[in-house]
Amino acid sequence: MHSDPAAVRKSVRLYVTIGVSLLVFTAITVMANRLHLVVPIAITVAIIIACIKGSMVASVFMHLSHEKKWIYGALLLTIVFFIFLMCIPLFTIMDTIGTPVRATPIEHAGH
């Protein structure tokens, strides 16, 4: 722990700032919910706000802001892999395999 009173005040100020920021983003989430947005936009807004809040918690309370560079690389790889996994349903929607094809009538010449 910190033994210097100035360092303790600085840490407390940081934690209070993050706590207030989390409360503000929670209020923004509630206000965004009351806007009655279209579902895809509402989900996008909620995910963006959750990512901001999660990054604040991870960087300060989990002390990731003081980690070495390779931790950031591993975290970035995890985020990229997570985004790829979340996009898999989009790839299946864009897939045309299994789409019913209507048969066109064949003209019988000479029958």
PDB file of N, CA and C in Angstrom:
ATOM      1  N   MET A   1       0.835  -1.185   0.000  1.00  0.00           N
ATOM      2  CA  MET A   1       0.000   0.000   0.000  1.00  0.00           C
ATOM      3  C   MET A   1       0.876   1.242   0.000  1.00  0.00           C
ATOM      4  N   HIS A   2       0.217   2.353  -0.203  1.00  0.00           N
ATOM      5  CA  HIS A   2       0.912   3.629  -0.205  1.00  0.00           C
ATOM      6  C   HIS A   2       1.099   4.103   1.233  1.00  0.00           C
ATOM      7  N   SER A   3       2.287   4.592   1.522  1.00  0.00           N
ATOM      8  CA  SER A   3       2.507   5.162   2.849  1.00  0.00           C
ATOM      9  C   SER A   3       2.508   6.685   2.785  1.00  0.00           C
ATOM     10  N   ASP A   4       2.665   7.219   1.597  1.00  0.00           N
ATOM     11  CA  ASP A   4       2.681   8.661   1.404  1.00  0.00           C
ATOM     12  C   ASP A   4       1.243   9.186   1.342  1.00  0.00           C
ATOM     13  N   PRO A   5       0.880  10.150   2.202  1.00  0.00           N
ATOM     14  CA  PRO A   5      -0.501  10.668   2.190  1.00  0.00           C
ATOM     15  C   PRO A   5      -0.918  11.271   0.845  1.00  0.00           C
ATOM     16  N   ALA A   6       0.012  11.888   0.137  1.00  0.00           N
ATOM     17  CA  ALA A   6      -0.322  12.470  -1.171  1.00  0.00           C
ATOM     18  C   ALA A   6      -0.673  11.369  -2.172  1.00  0.00           C
ATOM     19  N   ALA A   7       0.055  10.255  -2.118  1.00  0.00           N
ATOM     20  CA  ALA A   7      -0.233   9.139  -3.024  1.00  0.00           C
ATOM     21  C   ALA A   7      -1.576   8.499  -2.695  1.00  0.00           C
ATOM     22  N   VAL A   8      -1.899   8.439  -1.403  1.00  0.00           N
ATOM     23  CA  VAL A   8      -3.195   7.884  -0.990  1.00  0.00           C
ATOM     24  C   VAL A   8      -4.321   8.782  -1.491  1.00  0.00           C
ATOM     25  N   ARG A   9      -4.166  10.106  -1.334  1.00  0.00           N
ATOM     26  CA  ARG A   9      -5.192  11.037  -1.819  1.00  0.00           C
ATOM     27  C   ARG A   9      -5.369  10.920  -3.333  1.00  0.00           C
ATOM     28  N   LYS A  10      -4.251  10.754  -4.040  1.00  0.00           N
ATOM     29  CA  LYS A  10      -4.310  10.611  -5.495  1.00  0.00           C
ATOM     30  C   LYS A  10      -5.066   9.337  -5.877  1.00  0.00           C
ATOM     31  N   SER A  11      -4.795   8.235  -5.178  1.00  0.00           N
ATOM     32  CA  SER A  11      -5.489   6.978  -5.459  1.00  0.00           C
ATOM     33  C   SER A  11      -6.974   7.084  -5.144  1.00  0.00           C
ATOM     34  N   VAL A  12      -7.298   7.698  -4.017  1.00  0.00           N
ATOM     35  CA  VAL A  12      -8.708   7.858  -3.635  1.00  0.00           C
ATOM     36  C   VAL A  12      -9.426   8.730  -4.661  1.00  0.00           C
ATOM     37  N   ARG A  13      -8.783   9.799  -5.100  1.00  0.00           N
ATOM     38  CA  ARG A  13      -9.378  10.676  -6.105  1.00  0.00           C
ATOM     39  C   ARG A  13      -9.639   9.908  -7.403  1.00  0.00           C
ATOM     40  N   LEU A  14      -8.698   9.059  -7.805  1.00  0.00           N
ATOM     41  CA  LEU A  14      -8.876   8.259  -9.016  1.00  0.00           C
ATOM     42  C   LEU A  14     -10.051   7.298  -8.866  1.00  0.00           C
ATOM     43  N   TYR A  15     -10.129   6.608  -7.730  1.00  0.00           N
ATOM     44  CA  TYR A  15     -11.221   5.651  -7.510  1.00  0.00           C
ATOM     45  C   TYR A  15     -12.579   6.350  -7.451  1.00  0.00           C
ATOM     46  N   VAL A  16     -12.633   7.512  -6.828  1.00  0.00           N
ATOM     47  CA  VAL A  16     -13.894   8.261  -6.770  1.00  0.00           C
ATOM     48  C   VAL A  16     -14.284   8.741  -8.172  1.00  0.00           C
ATOM     49  N   THR A  17     -13.307   9.200  -8.943  1.00  0.00           N
ATOM     50  CA  THR A  17     -13.585   9.641 -10.314  1.00  0.00           C
ATOM     51  C   THR A  17     -14.136   8.502 -11.155  1.00  0.00           C
ATOM     52  N   ILE A  18     -13.528   7.330 -11.048  1.00  0.00           N
ATOM     53  CA  ILE A  18     -14.014   6.171 -11.800  1.00  0.00           C
ATOM     54  C   ILE A  18     -15.400   5.772 -11.311  1.00  0.00           C
ATOM     55  N   GLY A  19     -15.623   5.800 -10.010  1.00  0.00           N
ATOM     56  CA  GLY A  19     -16.941   5.459  -9.468  1.00  0.00           C
ATOM     57  C   GLY A  19     -18.026   6.398  -9.969  1.00  0.00           C
ATOM     58  N   VAL A  20     -17.732   7.697  -9.972  1.00  0.00           N
ATOM     59  CA  VAL A  20     -18.699   8.679 -10.474  1.00  0.00           C
ATOM     60  C   VAL A  20     -18.917   8.485 -11.976  1.00  0.00           C
ATOM     61  N   SER A  21     -17.845   8.203 -12.708  1.00  0.00           N
ATOM     62  CA  SER A  21     -17.980   7.953 -14.145  1.00  0.00           C
ATOM     63  C   SER A  21     -18.860   6.738 -14.414  1.00  0.00           C
ATOM     64  N   LEU A  22     -18.698   5.688 -13.616  1.00  0.00           N
ATOM     65  CA  LEU A  22     -19.539   4.502 -13.781  1.00  0.00           C
ATOM     66  C   LEU A  22     -21.003   4.830 -13.509  1.00  0.00           C
ATOM     67  N   LEU A  23     -21.254   5.655 -12.500  1.00  0.00           N
ATOM     68  CA  LEU A  23     -22.631   6.079 -12.225  1.00  0.00           C
ATOM     69  C   LEU A  23     -23.202   6.907 -13.378  1.00  0.00           C
ATOM     70  N   VAL A  24     -22.384   7.781 -13.947  1.00  0.00           N
ATOM     71  CA  VAL A  24     -22.837   8.604 -15.071  1.00  0.00           C
ATOM     72  C   VAL A  24     -23.168   7.720 -16.271  1.00  0.00           C
ATOM     73  N   PHE A  25     -22.285   6.759 -16.575  1.00  0.00           N
ATOM     74  CA  PHE A  25     -22.558   5.875 -17.711  1.00  0.00           C
ATOM     75  C   PHE A  25     -23.756   4.969 -17.449  1.00  0.00           C
ATOM     76  N   THR A  26     -23.996   4.616 -16.201  1.00  0.00           N
ATOM     77  CA  THR A  26     -25.205   3.853 -15.872  1.00  0.00           C
ATOM     78  C   THR A  26     -26.439   4.707 -16.124  1.00  0.00           C
ATOM     79  N   ALA A  27     -26.380   5.976 -15.753  1.00  0.00           N
ATOM     80  CA  ALA A  27     -27.501   6.889 -16.025  1.00  0.00           C
ATOM     81  C   ALA A  27     -27.709   7.059 -17.528  1.00  0.00           C
ATOM     82  N   ILE A  28     -26.615   7.134 -18.281  1.00  0.00           N
ATOM     83  CA  ILE A  28     -26.720   7.230 -19.741  1.00  0.00           C
ATOM     84  C   ILE A  28     -27.377   5.974 -20.306  1.00  0.00           C
ATOM     85  N   THR A  29     -27.042   4.814 -19.748  1.00  0.00           N
ATOM     86  CA  THR A  29     -27.660   3.565 -20.189  1.00  0.00           C
ATOM     87  C   THR A  29     -29.163   3.590 -19.946  1.00  0.00           C
ATOM     88  N   VAL A  30     -29.569   4.066 -18.780  1.00  0.00           N
ATOM     89  CA  VAL A  30     -31.003   4.140 -18.460  1.00  0.00           C
ATOM     90  C   VAL A  30     -31.700   5.126 -19.392  1.00  0.00           C
ATOM     91  N   MET A  31     -31.071   6.278 -19.642  1.00  0.00           N
ATOM     92  CA  MET A  31     -31.673   7.263 -20.545  1.00  0.00           C
ATOM     93  C   MET A  31     -31.765   6.724 -21.971  1.00  0.00           C
ATOM     94  N   ALA A  32     -30.742   5.989 -22.410  1.00  0.00           N
ATOM     95  CA  ALA A  32     -30.776   5.402 -23.752  1.00  0.00           C
ATOM     96  C   ALA A  32     -31.891   4.376 -23.858  1.00  0.00           C
ATOM     97  N   ASN A  33     -32.164   3.669 -22.770  1.00  0.00           N
ATOM     98  CA  ASN A  33     -33.247   2.691 -22.770  1.00  0.00           C
ATOM     99  C   ASN A  33     -34.603   3.380 -22.918  1.00  0.00           C
ATOM    100  N   ARG A  34     -34.738   4.568 -22.367  1.00  0.00           N
ATOM    101  CA  ARG A  34     -36.016   5.291 -22.434  1.00  0.00           C
ATOM    102  C   ARG A  34     -36.250   5.951 -23.790  1.00  0.00           C
ATOM    103  N   LEU A  35     -35.240   5.949 -24.664  1.00  0.00           N
ATOM    104  CA  LEU A  35     -35.404   6.528 -25.995  1.00  0.00           C
ATOM    105  C   LEU A  35     -36.197   5.615 -26.927  1.00  0.00           C
ATOM    106  N   HIS A  36     -36.354   4.358 -26.541  1.00  0.00           N
ATOM    107  CA  HIS A  36     -37.068   3.358 -27.344  1.00  0.00           C
ATOM    108  C   HIS A  36     -36.492   3.291 -28.761  1.00  0.00           C
ATOM    109  N   LEU A  37     -35.203   3.052 -28.823  1.00  0.00           N
ATOM    110  CA  LEU A  37     -34.526   2.936 -30.110  1.00  0.00           C
ATOM    111  C   LEU A  37     -34.876   1.609 -30.775  1.00  0.00           C
ATOM    112  N   VAL A  38     -34.603   1.530 -32.064  1.00  0.00           N
ATOM    113  CA  VAL A  38     -34.759   0.275 -32.785  1.00  0.00           C
ATOM    114  C   VAL A  38     -33.794  -0.728 -32.164  1.00  0.00           C
ATOM    115  N   VAL A  39     -34.194  -1.992 -32.113  1.00  0.00           N
ATOM    116  CA  VAL A  39     -33.431  -3.005 -31.366  1.00  0.00           C
ATOM    117  C   VAL A  39     -31.955  -3.058 -31.764  1.00  0.00           C
ATOM    118  N   PRO A  40     -31.585  -3.134 -33.054  1.00  0.00           N
ATOM    119  CA  PRO A  40     -30.144  -3.193 -33.364  1.00  0.00           C
ATOM    120  C   PRO A  40     -29.369  -1.973 -32.872  1.00  0.00           C
ATOM    121  N   ILE A  41     -29.965  -0.805 -32.971  1.00  0.00           N
ATOM    122  CA  ILE A  41     -29.282   0.407 -32.501  1.00  0.00           C
ATOM    123  C   ILE A  41     -29.204   0.411 -30.981  1.00  0.00           C
ATOM    124  N   ALA A  42     -30.265  -0.017 -30.315  1.00  0.00           N
ATOM    125  CA  ALA A  42     -30.262  -0.077 -28.852  1.00  0.00           C
ATOM    126  C   ALA A  42     -29.195  -1.042 -28.352  1.00  0.00           C
ATOM    127  N   ILE A  43     -29.064  -2.185 -29.021  1.00  0.00           N
ATOM    128  CA  ILE A  43     -28.039  -3.155 -28.629  1.00  0.00           C
ATOM    129  C   ILE A  43     -26.650  -2.574 -28.857  1.00  0.00           C
ATOM    130  N   THR A  44     -26.455  -1.893 -29.980  1.00  0.00           N
ATOM    131  CA  THR A  44     -25.153  -1.289 -30.272  1.00  0.00           C
ATOM    132  C   THR A  44     -24.792  -0.239 -29.228  1.00  0.00           C
ATOM    133  N   VAL A  45     -25.735   0.613 -28.884  1.00  0.00           N
ATOM    134  CA  VAL A  45     -25.486   1.646 -27.866  1.00  0.00           C
ATOM    135  C   VAL A  45     -25.165   0.999 -26.519  1.00  0.00           C
ATOM    136  N   ALA A  46     -25.936  -0.026 -26.150  1.00  0.00           N
ATOM    137  CA  ALA A  46     -25.701  -0.700 -24.867  1.00  0.00           C
ATOM    138  C   ALA A  46     -24.329  -1.362 -24.833  1.00  0.00           C
ATOM    139  N   ILE A  47     -23.915  -1.979 -25.938  1.00  0.00           N
ATOM    140  CA  ILE A  47     -22.604  -2.638 -25.980  1.00  0.00           C
ATOM    141  C   ILE A  47     -21.484  -1.609 -25.907  1.00  0.00           C
ATOM    142  N   ILE A  48     -21.643  -0.486 -26.587  1.00  0.00           N
ATOM    143  CA  ILE A  48     -20.609   0.556 -26.540  1.00  0.00           C
ATOM    144  C   ILE A  48     -20.459   1.094 -25.117  1.00  0.00           C
ATOM    145  N   ILE A  49     -21.575   1.368 -24.464  1.00  0.00           N
ATOM    146  CA  ILE A  49     -21.518   1.870 -23.086  1.00  0.00           C
ATOM    147  C   ILE A  49     -20.914   0.819 -22.158  1.00  0.00           C
ATOM    148  N   ALA A  50     -21.291  -0.447 -22.342  1.00  0.00           N
ATOM    149  CA  ALA A  50     -20.738  -1.519 -21.507  1.00  0.00           C
ATOM    150  C   ALA A  50     -19.239  -1.677 -21.735  1.00  0.00           C
ATOM    151  N   CYS A  51     -18.781  -1.517 -22.969  1.00  0.00           N
ATOM    152  CA  CYS A  51     -17.338  -1.609 -23.246  1.00  0.00           C
ATOM    153  C   CYS A  51     -16.576  -0.470 -22.578  1.00  0.00           C
ATOM    154  N   ILE A  52     -17.135   0.712 -22.615  1.00  0.00           N
ATOM    155  CA  ILE A  52     -16.484   1.852 -21.955  1.00  0.00           C
ATOM    156  C   ILE A  52     -16.396   1.609 -20.453  1.00  0.00           C
ATOM    157  N   LYS A  53     -17.510   1.181 -19.853  1.00  0.00           N
ATOM    158  CA  LYS A  53     -17.513   0.923 -18.413  1.00  0.00           C
ATOM    159  C   LYS A  53     -16.570  -0.226 -18.063  1.00  0.00           C
ATOM    160  N   GLY A  54     -16.581  -1.273 -18.860  1.00  0.00           N
ATOM    161  CA  GLY A  54     -15.705  -2.416 -18.602  1.00  0.00           C
ATOM    162  C   GLY A  54     -14.235  -2.057 -18.721  1.00  0.00           C
ATOM    163  N   SER A  55     -13.906  -1.215 -19.697  1.00  0.00           N
ATOM    164  CA  SER A  55     -12.502  -0.821 -19.844  1.00  0.00           C
ATOM    165  C   SER A  55     -12.041   0.052 -18.682  1.00  0.00           C
ATOM    166  N   MET A  56     -12.935   0.889 -18.154  1.00  0.00           N
ATOM    167  CA  MET A  56     -12.569   1.690 -16.978  1.00  0.00           C
ATOM    168  C   MET A  56     -12.320   0.792 -15.772  1.00  0.00           C
ATOM    169  N   VAL A  57     -13.203  -0.171 -15.558  1.00  0.00           N
ATOM    170  CA  VAL A  57     -13.039  -1.090 -14.421  1.00  0.00           C
ATOM    171  C   VAL A  57     -11.767  -1.909 -14.583  1.00  0.00           C
ATOM    172  N   ALA A  58     -11.543  -2.434 -15.788  1.00  0.00           N
ATOM    173  CA  ALA A  58     -10.365  -3.276 -16.012  1.00  0.00           C
ATOM    174  C   ALA A  58      -9.070  -2.489 -15.856  1.00  0.00           C
ATOM    175  N   SER A  59      -9.041  -1.270 -16.367  1.00  0.00           N
ATOM    176  CA  SER A  59      -7.787  -0.521 -16.312  1.00  0.00           C
ATOM    177  C   SER A  59      -7.453  -0.023 -14.913  1.00  0.00           C
ATOM    178  N   VAL A  60      -8.461   0.332 -14.123  1.00  0.00           N
ATOM    179  CA  VAL A  60      -8.175   0.911 -12.807  1.00  0.00           C
ATOM    180  C   VAL A  60      -8.275  -0.128 -11.699  1.00  0.00           C
ATOM    181  N   PHE A  61      -9.431  -0.775 -11.570  1.00  0.00           N
ATOM    182  CA  PHE A  61      -9.637  -1.677 -10.444  1.00  0.00           C
ATOM    183  C   PHE A  61      -8.895  -3.002 -10.605  1.00  0.00           C
ATOM    184  N   MET A  62      -8.656  -3.422 -11.851  1.00  0.00           N
ATOM    185  CA  MET A  62      -7.886  -4.651 -12.074  1.00  0.00           C
ATOM    186  C   MET A  62      -6.418  -4.326 -12.348  1.00  0.00           C
ATOM    187  N   HIS A  63      -6.063  -3.054 -12.283  1.00  0.00           N
ATOM    188  CA  HIS A  63      -4.687  -2.570 -12.417  1.00  0.00           C
ATOM    189  C   HIS A  63      -4.059  -2.944 -13.757  1.00  0.00           C
ATOM    190  N   LEU A  64      -4.853  -3.032 -14.820  1.00  0.00           N
ATOM    191  CA  LEU A  64      -4.301  -3.340 -16.136  1.00  0.00           C
ATOM    192  C   LEU A  64      -3.564  -2.154 -16.737  1.00  0.00           C
ATOM    193  N   SER A  65      -3.804  -0.965 -16.228  1.00  0.00           N
ATOM    194  CA  SER A  65      -3.109   0.208 -16.759  1.00  0.00           C
ATOM    195  C   SER A  65      -1.626   0.205 -16.395  1.00  0.00           C
ATOM    196  N   HIS A  66      -1.228  -0.648 -15.445  1.00  0.00           N
ATOM    197  CA  HIS A  66       0.175  -0.712 -15.034  1.00  0.00           C
ATOM    198  C   HIS A  66       0.863  -1.981 -15.524  1.00  0.00           C
ATOM    199  N   GLU A  67       0.217  -2.737 -16.402  1.00  0.00           N
ATOM    200  CA  GLU A  67       0.786  -4.005 -16.864  1.00  0.00           C
ATOM    201  C   GLU A  67       1.802  -3.786 -17.975  1.00  0.00           C
ATOM    202  N   LYS A  68       2.510  -4.857 -18.290  1.00  0.00           N
ATOM    203  CA  LYS A  68       3.507  -4.816 -19.344  1.00  0.00           C
ATOM    204  C   LYS A  68       2.830  -4.859 -20.717  1.00  0.00           C
ATOM    205  N   LYS A  69       3.600  -4.567 -21.750  1.00  0.00           N
ATOM    206  CA  LYS A  69       3.067  -4.467 -23.112  1.00  0.00           C
ATOM    207  C   LYS A  69       2.462  -5.776 -23.606  1.00  0.00           C
ATOM    208  N   TRP A  70       3.030  -6.915 -23.260  1.00  0.00           N
ATOM    209  CA  TRP A  70       2.521  -8.178 -23.812  1.00  0.00           C
ATOM    210  C   TRP A  70       1.115  -8.482 -23.309  1.00  0.00           C
ATOM    211  N   ILE A  71       0.768  -7.953 -22.142  1.00  0.00           N
ATOM    212  CA  ILE A  71      -0.599  -8.122 -21.633  1.00  0.00           C
ATOM    213  C   ILE A  71      -1.580  -7.433 -22.574  1.00  0.00           C
ATOM    214  N   TYR A  72      -1.198  -6.254 -23.069  1.00  0.00           N
ATOM    215  CA  TYR A  72      -2.073  -5.543 -23.999  1.00  0.00           C
ATOM    216  C   TYR A  72      -2.238  -6.324 -25.299  1.00  0.00           C
ATOM    217  N   GLY A  73      -1.166  -6.956 -25.753  1.00  0.00           N
ATOM    218  CA  GLY A  73      -1.263  -7.784 -26.958  1.00  0.00           C
ATOM    219  C   GLY A  73      -2.206  -8.952 -26.762  1.00  0.00           C
ATOM    220  N   ALA A  74      -2.095  -9.616 -25.618  1.00  0.00           N
ATOM    221  CA  ALA A  74      -2.990 -10.743 -25.325  1.00  0.00           C
ATOM    222  C   ALA A  74      -4.428 -10.264 -25.189  1.00  0.00           C
ATOM    223  N   LEU A  75      -4.625  -9.114 -24.570  1.00  0.00           N
ATOM    224  CA  LEU A  75      -5.970  -8.560 -24.423  1.00  0.00           C
ATOM    225  C   LEU A  75      -6.549  -8.166 -25.781  1.00  0.00           C
ATOM    226  N   LEU A  76      -5.744  -7.570 -26.639  1.00  0.00           N
ATOM    227  CA  LEU A  76      -6.199  -7.197 -27.975  1.00  0.00           C
ATOM    228  C   LEU A  76      -6.571  -8.432 -28.786  1.00  0.00           C
ATOM    229  N   LEU A  77      -5.757  -9.480 -28.695  1.00  0.00           N
ATOM    230  CA  LEU A  77      -6.070 -10.726 -29.395  1.00  0.00           C
ATOM    231  C   LEU A  77      -7.386 -11.312 -28.891  1.00  0.00           C
ATOM    232  N   THR A  78      -7.614 -11.255 -27.602  1.00  0.00           N
ATOM    233  CA  THR A  78      -8.867 -11.746 -27.028  1.00  0.00           C
ATOM    234  C   THR A  78     -10.053 -10.943 -27.542  1.00  0.00           C
ATOM    235  N   ILE A  79      -9.906  -9.638 -27.615  1.00  0.00           N
ATOM    236  CA  ILE A  79     -10.994  -8.783 -28.100  1.00  0.00           C
ATOM    237  C   ILE A  79     -11.289  -9.069 -29.567  1.00  0.00           C
ATOM    238  N   VAL A  80     -10.248  -9.205 -30.382  1.00  0.00           N
ATOM    239  CA  VAL A  80     -10.449  -9.511 -31.803  1.00  0.00           C
ATOM    240  C   VAL A  80     -11.148 -10.855 -31.962  1.00  0.00           C
ATOM    241  N   PHE A  81     -10.722 -11.860 -31.215  1.00  0.00           N
ATOM    242  CA  PHE A  81     -11.351 -13.177 -31.282  1.00  0.00           C
ATOM    243  C   PHE A  81     -12.807 -13.105 -30.824  1.00  0.00           C
ATOM    244  N   PHE A  82     -13.084 -12.337 -29.780  1.00  0.00           N
ATOM    245  CA  PHE A  82     -14.458 -12.179 -29.294  1.00  0.00           C
ATOM    246  C   PHE A  82     -15.340 -11.529 -30.358  1.00  0.00           C
ATOM    247  N   ILE A  83     -14.832 -10.482 -31.000  1.00  0.00           N
ATOM    248  CA  ILE A  83     -15.608  -9.818 -32.056  1.00  0.00           C
ATOM    249  C   ILE A  83     -15.865 -10.779 -33.209  1.00  0.00           C
ATOM    250  N   PHE A  84     -14.862 -11.574 -33.575  1.00  0.00           N
ATOM    251  CA  PHE A  84     -15.051 -12.572 -34.631  1.00  0.00           C
ATOM    252  C   PHE A  84     -16.145 -13.560 -34.250  1.00  0.00           C
ATOM    253  N   LEU A  85     -16.130 -14.037 -33.009  1.00  0.00           N
ATOM    254  CA  LEU A  85     -17.160 -14.983 -32.569  1.00  0.00           C
ATOM    255  C   LEU A  85     -18.545 -14.345 -32.567  1.00  0.00           C
ATOM    256  N   MET A  86     -18.619 -13.074 -32.218  1.00  0.00           N
ATOM    257  CA  MET A  86     -19.915 -12.401 -32.223  1.00  0.00           C
ATOM    258  C   MET A  86     -20.431 -12.165 -33.641  1.00  0.00           C
ATOM    259  N   CYS A  87     -19.524 -12.148 -34.619  1.00  0.00           N
ATOM    260  CA  CYS A  87     -19.933 -11.930 -36.014  1.00  0.00           C
ATOM    261  C   CYS A  87     -20.325 -13.221 -36.722  1.00  0.00           C
ATOM    262  N   ILE A  88     -20.073 -14.363 -36.140  1.00  0.00           N
ATOM    263  CA  ILE A  88     -20.415 -15.631 -36.792  1.00  0.00           C
ATOM    264  C   ILE A  88     -21.893 -15.700 -37.169  1.00  0.00           C
ATOM    265  N   PRO A  89     -22.826 -15.278 -36.318  1.00  0.00           N
ATOM    266  CA  PRO A  89     -24.233 -15.300 -36.766  1.00  0.00           C
ATOM    267  C   PRO A  89     -24.482 -14.436 -38.003  1.00  0.00           C
ATOM    268  N   LEU A  90     -23.752 -13.333 -38.153  1.00  0.00           N
ATOM    269  CA  LEU A  90     -23.912 -12.515 -39.355  1.00  0.00           C
ATOM    270  C   LEU A  90     -23.476 -13.276 -40.593  1.00  0.00           C
ATOM    271  N   PHE A  91     -22.407 -14.064 -40.454  1.00  0.00           N
ATOM    272  CA  PHE A  91     -21.944 -14.847 -41.594  1.00  0.00           C
ATOM    273  C   PHE A  91     -22.984 -15.878 -42.000  1.00  0.00           C
ATOM    274  N   THR A  92     -23.704 -16.435 -41.038  1.00  0.00           N
ATOM    275  CA  THR A  92     -24.725 -17.425 -41.382  1.00  0.00           C
ATOM    276  C   THR A  92     -25.940 -16.764 -42.016  1.00  0.00           C
ATOM    277  N   ILE A  93     -26.230 -15.535 -41.660  1.00  0.00           N
ATOM    278  CA  ILE A  93     -27.353 -14.831 -42.282  1.00  0.00           C
ATOM    279  C   ILE A  93     -27.039 -14.510 -43.740  1.00  0.00           C
ATOM    280  N   MET A  94     -25.791 -14.154 -44.017  1.00  0.00           N
ATOM    281  CA  MET A  94     -25.403 -13.799 -45.378  1.00  0.00           C
ATOM    282  C   MET A  94     -25.205 -15.024 -46.264  1.00  0.00           C
ATOM    283  N   ASP A  95     -25.210 -16.207 -45.687  1.00  0.00           N
ATOM    284  CA  ASP A  95     -24.987 -17.443 -46.429  1.00  0.00           C
ATOM    285  C   ASP A  95     -26.204 -17.763 -47.287  1.00  0.00           C
ATOM    286  N   THR A  96     -25.977 -18.098 -48.557  1.00  0.00           N
ATOM    287  CA  THR A  96     -27.092 -18.431 -49.446  1.00  0.00           C
ATOM    288  C   THR A  96     -27.263 -19.928 -49.628  1.00  0.00           C
ATOM    289  N   ILE A  97     -26.434 -20.730 -49.004  1.00  0.00           N
ATOM    290  CA  ILE A  97     -26.578 -22.178 -49.112  1.00  0.00           C
ATOM    291  C   ILE A  97     -27.862 -22.577 -48.404  1.00  0.00           C
ATOM    292  N   GLY A  98     -28.661 -23.371 -49.073  1.00  0.00           N
ATOM    293  CA  GLY A  98     -29.917 -23.815 -48.492  1.00  0.00           C
ATOM    294  C   GLY A  98     -31.081 -22.902 -48.811  1.00  0.00           C
ATOM    295  N   THR A  99     -30.816 -21.826 -49.557  1.00  0.00           N
ATOM    296  CA  THR A  99     -31.902 -20.942 -49.959  1.00  0.00           C
ATOM    297  C   THR A  99     -32.731 -21.638 -51.027  1.00  0.00           C
ATOM    298  N   PRO A 100     -34.039 -21.695 -50.854  1.00  0.00           N
ATOM    299  CA  PRO A 100     -34.855 -22.373 -51.862  1.00  0.00           C
ATOM    300  C   PRO A 100     -34.766 -21.672 -53.212  1.00  0.00           C
ATOM    301  N   VAL A 101     -34.639 -22.473 -54.249  1.00  0.00           N
ATOM    302  CA  VAL A 101     -34.576 -21.957 -55.609  1.00  0.00           C
ATOM    303  C   VAL A 101     -35.860 -22.369 -56.308  1.00  0.00           C
ATOM    304  N   ARG A 102     -36.529 -21.409 -56.903  1.00  0.00           N
ATOM    305  CA  ARG A 102     -37.763 -21.719 -57.613  1.00  0.00           C
ATOM    306  C   ARG A 102     -37.434 -22.330 -58.967  1.00  0.00           C
ATOM    307  N   ALA A 103     -38.130 -23.390 -59.257  1.00  0.00           N
ATOM    308  CA  ALA A 103     -37.932 -24.051 -60.547  1.00  0.00           C
ATOM    309  C   ALA A 103     -38.612 -23.231 -61.632  1.00  0.00           C
ATOM    310  N   THR A 104     -37.897 -23.036 -62.699  1.00  0.00           N
ATOM    311  CA  THR A 104     -38.488 -22.326 -63.832  1.00  0.00           C
ATOM    312  C   THR A 104     -39.060 -23.356 -64.794  1.00  0.00           C
ATOM    313  N   PRO A 105     -40.217 -23.084 -65.345  1.00  0.00           N
ATOM    314  CA  PRO A 105     -40.810 -24.058 -66.266  1.00  0.00           C
ATOM    315  C   PRO A 105     -39.963 -24.205 -67.518  1.00  0.00           C
ATOM    316  N   ILE A 106     -39.787 -25.437 -67.920  1.00  0.00           N
ATOM    317  CA  ILE A 106     -39.023 -25.735 -69.132  1.00  0.00           C
ATOM    318  C   ILE A 106     -40.014 -25.832 -70.282  1.00  0.00           C
ATOM    319  N   GLU A 107     -39.705 -25.102 -71.307  1.00  0.00           N
ATOM    320  CA  GLU A 107     -40.576 -25.171 -72.475  1.00  0.00           C
ATOM    321  C   GLU A 107     -40.240 -26.433 -73.243  1.00  0.00           C
ATOM    322  N   HIS A 108     -41.256 -27.201 -73.510  1.00  0.00           N
ATOM    323  CA  HIS A 108     -41.067 -28.461 -74.232  1.00  0.00           C
ATOM    324  C   HIS A 108     -41.217 -28.193 -75.720  1.00  0.00           C
ATOM    325  N   ALA A 109     -40.139 -28.135 -76.383  1.00  0.00           N
ATOM    326  CA  ALA A 109     -40.164 -27.895 -77.828  1.00  0.00           C
ATOM    327  C   ALA A 109     -40.504 -29.187 -78.553  1.00  0.00           C
ATOM    328  N   GLY A 110     -41.493 -29.149 -79.356  1.00  0.00           N
ATOM    329  CA  GLY A 110     -41.847 -30.301 -80.175  1.00  0.00           C
ATOM    330  C   GLY A 110     -42.744 -31.296 -79.482  1.00  0.00           C
ATOM    331  N   HIS A 111     -43.213 -31.122 -78.312  1.00  0.00           N
ATOM    332  CA  HIS A 111     -44.108 -32.090 -77.650  1.00  0.00           C
ATOM    333  C   HIS A 111     -45.500 -31.625 -77.652  1.00  0.00           C
TER     334      HIS A 111
END
